[in-house]
Structure formats: C-alpha cells, structure tokens
Amino acid sequence: SPPSVPAALARRSTATAAPPTSTHAQVPTFGHIHPPLPPPILRALTQHSVREPTAIQRACLPLLLARTDLHLLALGPTGSGKTLAYVLPLLAHLYHGADAAAPAPHFAVLLCPTRELAGQVCDAVRSVGGPAYGTRCALVTGGGD
C-alpha cells in the first residue's frame, strides 16, 4: 500500500511569494505544466490526490523543469508548496530518460537547516519518488539528544 500522504503534500495555501502572471494562472493541473512532469510523477501525485499546483509551484516548476533558472529563490509561508516546487523537478531530472521499472542508480544530497524540514523533504521524496521510481530517502541528522 502507498505511504500515507505527509502533511507537506496535504496542505494547501493560496498565499504566494509573488503574484502569479497570466501564464502561471493558466496552469490548472500538474498535467498542464510545460515542460511536462514525467508520467510516473503525475501518477504518484494523483495517488495522493494532489492535482492542482499551488501558486508557488505554478511559478517555479516551469523554470526548474526547463532548467531556465537553477538559481531560483522562492519565498512563501508554511504550507505554500515550496517543498514540492523543488522536489518534483529534482526527481524529474534525476530520472530523465530512465526506465521507471529499473532506474539506474541516481542520487542527490539535500541539505536542510532543521531536522523538521529535513524530515518533511524526505517524506515528500518518499511519497512521490517512491511510487514513481522506487526512490528511497535516507535522513541523516546531527546534534540529536
């Protein structure tokens, strides 16, 4: 059975760092984003009933998927969708052209400033990358009690 939807995927917010432009406002679902997200990622999002990108995702995903601006700074309140805004393109680029049934070994290192955020990011990677590509996530933290 698929993992439960982490709070990062379930939260929705209308807040955004910048007002969406008319181009971004025309992206009603993840399937309408261009360049497109790979089908395995779209299926994983659908499994979690996540169908509509938030404002920050509508603004960031096209840039990151096109590799137009890899030095992107996106600000938004808690629950605005920032985590998926960078996790989805990361997964798409890691597995670009890979066979979903037998992906080559790929890896990424994500550094987070807090254990709480690191756990949230790992949950998002597992929830979307697991069903899409069999992605695993190892959480390594320091300074614990």
C-alpha atoms as a PDB file:
ATOM      1  CA  SER A   1       0.000   0.000   0.000  1.00  0.00           C
ATOM      2  CA  PRO A   2       1.275   3.511  -0.750  1.00  0.00           C
ATOM      3  CA  PRO A   3       2.688   5.551   2.104  1.00  0.00           C
ATOM      4  CA  SER A   4       0.345   7.976   3.801  1.00  0.00           C
ATOM      5  CA  VAL A   5       0.265  11.495   2.433  1.00  0.00           C
ATOM      6  CA  PRO A   6       2.628  13.609   4.502  1.00  0.00           C
ATOM      7  CA  ALA A   7       1.458  16.956   5.762  1.00  0.00           C
ATOM      8  CA  ALA A   8       3.695  18.657   3.167  1.00  0.00           C
ATOM      9  CA  LEU A   9       1.621  17.158   0.360  1.00  0.00           C
ATOM     10  CA  ALA A  10      -1.757  17.584   2.009  1.00  0.00           C
ATOM     11  CA  ARG A  11      -1.504  21.253   2.969  1.00  0.00           C
ATOM     12  CA  ARG A  12      -2.880  23.808   0.545  1.00  0.00           C
ATOM     13  CA  SER A  13      -2.499  27.566   0.629  1.00  0.00           C
ATOM     14  CA  THR A  14      -3.432  30.424  -1.646  1.00  0.00           C
ATOM     15  CA  ALA A  15      -0.503  32.513  -0.427  1.00  0.00           C
ATOM     16  CA  THR A  16       2.380  33.127  -2.790  1.00  0.00           C
ATOM     17  CA  ALA A  17       5.702  34.928  -2.816  1.00  0.00           C
ATOM     18  CA  ALA A  18       4.804  36.865  -5.943  1.00  0.00           C
ATOM     19  CA  PRO A  19       1.520  37.354  -7.732  1.00  0.00           C
ATOM     20  CA  PRO A  20       1.094  34.768 -10.493  1.00  0.00           C
ATOM     21  CA  THR A  21       1.333  36.096 -14.010  1.00  0.00           C
ATOM     22  CA  SER A  22      -1.320  35.327 -16.598  1.00  0.00           C
ATOM     23  CA  THR A  23       0.895  32.485 -17.914  1.00  0.00           C
ATOM     24  CA  HIS A  24       1.146  30.887 -14.470  1.00  0.00           C
ATOM     25  CA  ALA A  25      -2.574  31.364 -13.794  1.00  0.00           C
ATOM     26  CA  GLN A  26      -3.346  29.198 -16.861  1.00  0.00           C
ATOM     27  CA  VAL A  27      -1.859  26.056 -15.263  1.00  0.00           C
ATOM     28  CA  PRO A  28      -4.893  24.388 -13.656  1.00  0.00           C
ATOM     29  CA  THR A  29      -3.286  20.962 -13.031  1.00  0.00           C
ATOM     30  CA  PHE A  30       0.166  19.415 -12.818  1.00  0.00           C
ATOM     31  CA  GLY A  31      -0.551  17.827 -16.204  1.00  0.00           C
ATOM     32  CA  HIS A  32      -0.703  21.278 -17.821  1.00  0.00           C
ATOM     33  CA  ILE A  33       2.778  22.373 -16.707  1.00  0.00           C
ATOM     34  CA  HIS A  34       5.248  22.909 -19.540  1.00  0.00           C
ATOM     35  CA  PRO A  35       7.807  21.438 -19.815  1.00  0.00           C
ATOM     36  CA  PRO A  36       5.775  18.496 -18.535  1.00  0.00           C
ATOM     37  CA  LEU A  37       6.393  16.421 -15.459  1.00  0.00           C
ATOM     38  CA  PRO A  38       7.129  12.770 -16.321  1.00  0.00           C
ATOM     39  CA  PRO A  39       4.097  10.433 -16.257  1.00  0.00           C
ATOM     40  CA  PRO A  40       5.389   8.419 -13.236  1.00  0.00           C
ATOM     41  CA  ILE A  41       5.448  11.626 -11.154  1.00  0.00           C
ATOM     42  CA  LEU A  42       1.978  12.651 -12.340  1.00  0.00           C
ATOM     43  CA  ARG A  43       0.657   9.197 -11.375  1.00  0.00           C
ATOM     44  CA  ALA A  44       2.280   9.436  -7.930  1.00  0.00           C
ATOM     45  CA  LEU A  45       0.712  12.855  -7.347  1.00  0.00           C
ATOM     46  CA  THR A  46      -2.683  11.502  -8.424  1.00  0.00           C
ATOM     47  CA  GLN A  47      -2.295   8.592  -5.972  1.00  0.00           C
ATOM     48  CA  HIS A  48      -2.077  11.215  -3.229  1.00  0.00           C
ATOM     49  CA  SER A  49      -4.995  13.230  -4.668  1.00  0.00           C
ATOM     50  CA  VAL A  50      -2.659  16.146  -5.389  1.00  0.00           C
ATOM     51  CA  ARG A  51      -3.900  17.512  -8.709  1.00  0.00           C
ATOM     52  CA  GLU A  52      -3.578  21.298  -8.658  1.00  0.00           C
ATOM     53  CA  PRO A  53      -0.263  23.082  -8.215  1.00  0.00           C
ATOM     54  CA  THR A  54      -0.117  25.903  -5.716  1.00  0.00           C
ATOM     55  CA  ALA A  55       0.767  29.408  -6.861  1.00  0.00           C
ATOM     56  CA  ILE A  56       4.435  28.991  -5.949  1.00  0.00           C
ATOM     57  CA  GLN A  57       4.566  25.656  -7.816  1.00  0.00           C
ATOM     58  CA  ARG A  58       2.937  27.193 -10.896  1.00  0.00           C
ATOM     59  CA  ALA A  59       5.602  29.890 -10.859  1.00  0.00           C
ATOM     60  CA  CYS A  60       8.649  27.688 -10.141  1.00  0.00           C
ATOM     61  CA  LEU A  61       8.044  24.336 -11.847  1.00  0.00           C
ATOM     62  CA  PRO A  62       8.217  25.549 -15.474  1.00  0.00           C
ATOM     63  CA  LEU A  63      11.506  27.365 -14.787  1.00  0.00           C
ATOM     64  CA  LEU A  64      13.113  24.454 -12.948  1.00  0.00           C
ATOM     65  CA  LEU A  65      11.874  21.782 -15.364  1.00  0.00           C
ATOM     66  CA  ALA A  66      13.201  23.798 -18.315  1.00  0.00           C
ATOM     67  CA  ARG A  67      16.446  24.423 -16.425  1.00  0.00           C
ATOM     68  CA  THR A  68      15.939  28.082 -17.277  1.00  0.00           C
ATOM     69  CA  ASP A  69      16.797  29.346 -13.835  1.00  0.00           C
ATOM     70  CA  LEU A  70      18.511  26.966 -11.460  1.00  0.00           C
ATOM     71  CA  HIS A  71      19.383  29.805  -9.071  1.00  0.00           C
ATOM     72  CA  LEU A  72      15.820  30.446  -8.065  1.00  0.00           C
ATOM     73  CA  LEU A  73      14.796  31.950  -4.749  1.00  0.00           C
ATOM     74  CA  ALA A  74      11.169  31.302  -3.846  1.00  0.00           C
ATOM     75  CA  LEU A  75       9.693  32.685  -0.663  1.00  0.00           C
ATOM     76  CA  GLY A  76       6.375  31.647   0.773  1.00  0.00           C
ATOM     77  CA  PRO A  77       4.667  30.869   4.034  1.00  0.00           C
ATOM     78  CA  THR A  78       4.445  27.421   5.586  1.00  0.00           C
ATOM     79  CA  GLY A  79       2.126  25.216   3.561  1.00  0.00           C
ATOM     80  CA  SER A  80       2.519  27.127   0.284  1.00  0.00           C
ATOM     81  CA  GLY A  81       4.056  24.154  -1.561  1.00  0.00           C
ATOM     82  CA  LYS A  82       7.727  25.142  -1.640  1.00  0.00           C
ATOM     83  CA  THR A  83       8.984  21.618  -0.896  1.00  0.00           C
ATOM     84  CA  LEU A  84       7.247  20.024  -3.884  1.00  0.00           C
ATOM     85  CA  ALA A  85       8.249  23.024  -6.003  1.00  0.00           C
ATOM     86  CA  TYR A  86      11.851  21.781  -5.906  1.00  0.00           C
ATOM     87  CA  VAL A  87      11.404  18.060  -5.154  1.00  0.00           C
ATOM     88  CA  LEU A  88       9.347  17.401  -8.318  1.00  0.00           C
ATOM     89  CA  PRO A  89      11.930  18.904 -10.727  1.00  0.00           C
ATOM     90  CA  LEU A  90      14.721  17.172  -8.799  1.00  0.00           C
ATOM     91  CA  LEU A  91      13.057  13.784  -9.323  1.00  0.00           C
ATOM     92  CA  ALA A  92      12.261  14.592 -12.954  1.00  0.00           C
ATOM     93  CA  HIS A  93      15.901  15.496 -13.682  1.00  0.00           C
ATOM     94  CA  LEU A  94      17.377  12.569 -11.730  1.00  0.00           C
ATOM     95  CA  TYR A  95      15.341  10.054 -13.667  1.00  0.00           C
ATOM     96  CA  HIS A  96      15.178  11.813 -17.027  1.00  0.00           C
ATOM     97  CA  GLY A  97      15.159   9.080 -19.657  1.00  0.00           C
ATOM     98  CA  ALA A  98      15.470   6.306 -17.063  1.00  0.00           C
ATOM     99  CA  ASP A  99      13.309   3.212 -17.234  1.00  0.00           C
ATOM    100  CA  ALA A 100      10.846   3.545 -14.340  1.00  0.00           C
ATOM    101  CA  ALA A 101      10.912  -0.244 -13.829  1.00  0.00           C
ATOM    102  CA  ALA A 102      14.698  -0.388 -13.454  1.00  0.00           C
ATOM    103  CA  PRO A 103      16.190   3.077 -12.958  1.00  0.00           C
ATOM    104  CA  ALA A 104      19.947   3.468 -12.903  1.00  0.00           C
ATOM    105  CA  PRO A 105      21.380   4.422  -9.521  1.00  0.00           C
ATOM    106  CA  HIS A 106      20.905   8.137  -9.107  1.00  0.00           C
ATOM    107  CA  PHE A 107      21.341  10.236  -6.006  1.00  0.00           C
ATOM    108  CA  ALA A 108      21.036  13.739  -4.642  1.00  0.00           C
ATOM    109  CA  VAL A 109      22.114  15.328  -1.400  1.00  0.00           C
ATOM    110  CA  LEU A 110      19.704  17.850   0.050  1.00  0.00           C
ATOM    111  CA  LEU A 111      20.916  19.978   2.939  1.00  0.00           C
ATOM    112  CA  CYS A 112      18.254  21.404   5.229  1.00  0.00           C
ATOM    113  CA  PRO A 113      18.715  23.874   8.091  1.00  0.00           C
ATOM    114  CA  THR A 114      16.497  21.962  10.553  1.00  0.00           C
ATOM    115  CA  ARG A 115      15.679  18.342  11.381  1.00  0.00           C
ATOM    116  CA  GLU A 116      11.980  19.102  10.973  1.00  0.00           C
ATOM    117  CA  LEU A 117      12.462  20.411   7.429  1.00  0.00           C
ATOM    118  CA  ALA A 118      14.784  17.528   6.565  1.00  0.00           C
ATOM    119  CA  GLY A 119      12.065  15.091   7.653  1.00  0.00           C
ATOM    120  CA  GLN A 120       9.457  16.930   5.594  1.00  0.00           C
ATOM    121  CA  VAL A 121      11.662  16.868   2.489  1.00  0.00           C
ATOM    122  CA  CYS A 122      12.430  13.173   2.959  1.00  0.00           C
ATOM    123  CA  ASP A 123       8.693  12.438   3.330  1.00  0.00           C
ATOM    124  CA  ALA A 124       7.964  14.300   0.072  1.00  0.00           C
ATOM    125  CA  VAL A 125      10.747  12.461  -1.780  1.00  0.00           C
ATOM    126  CA  ARG A 126       9.462   9.096  -0.491  1.00  0.00           C
ATOM    127  CA  SER A 127       5.808   9.889  -1.188  1.00  0.00           C
ATOM    128  CA  VAL A 128       6.313  10.988  -4.792  1.00  0.00           C
ATOM    129  CA  GLY A 129       9.606   9.352  -5.768  1.00  0.00           C
ATOM    130  CA  GLY A 130       8.769   6.006  -4.168  1.00  0.00           C
ATOM    131  CA  PRO A 131       5.673   5.263  -6.249  1.00  0.00           C
ATOM    132  CA  ALA A 132       7.153   6.964  -9.332  1.00  0.00           C
ATOM    133  CA  TYR A 133      10.634   5.419  -9.412  1.00  0.00           C
ATOM    134  CA  GLY A 134      11.198   3.333  -6.289  1.00  0.00           C
ATOM    135  CA  THR A 135      13.173   6.215  -4.813  1.00  0.00           C
ATOM    136  CA  ARG A 136      14.498   5.811  -1.317  1.00  0.00           C
ATOM    137  CA  CYS A 137      15.470   8.573   1.049  1.00  0.00           C
ATOM    138  CA  ALA A 138      17.936   8.383   3.901  1.00  0.00           C
ATOM    139  CA  LEU A 139      17.580  11.010   6.607  1.00  0.00           C
ATOM    140  CA  VAL A 140      20.830  11.889   8.354  1.00  0.00           C
ATOM    141  CA  THR A 141      20.765  14.489  11.113  1.00  0.00           C
ATOM    142  CA  GLY A 142      23.224  15.735  13.636  1.00  0.00           C
ATOM    143  CA  GLY A 143      23.066  17.287  17.051  1.00  0.00           C
ATOM    144  CA  GLY A 144      20.333  14.983  18.357  1.00  0.00           C
ATOM    145  CA  ASP A 145      19.865  14.181  22.006  1.00  0.00           C
END
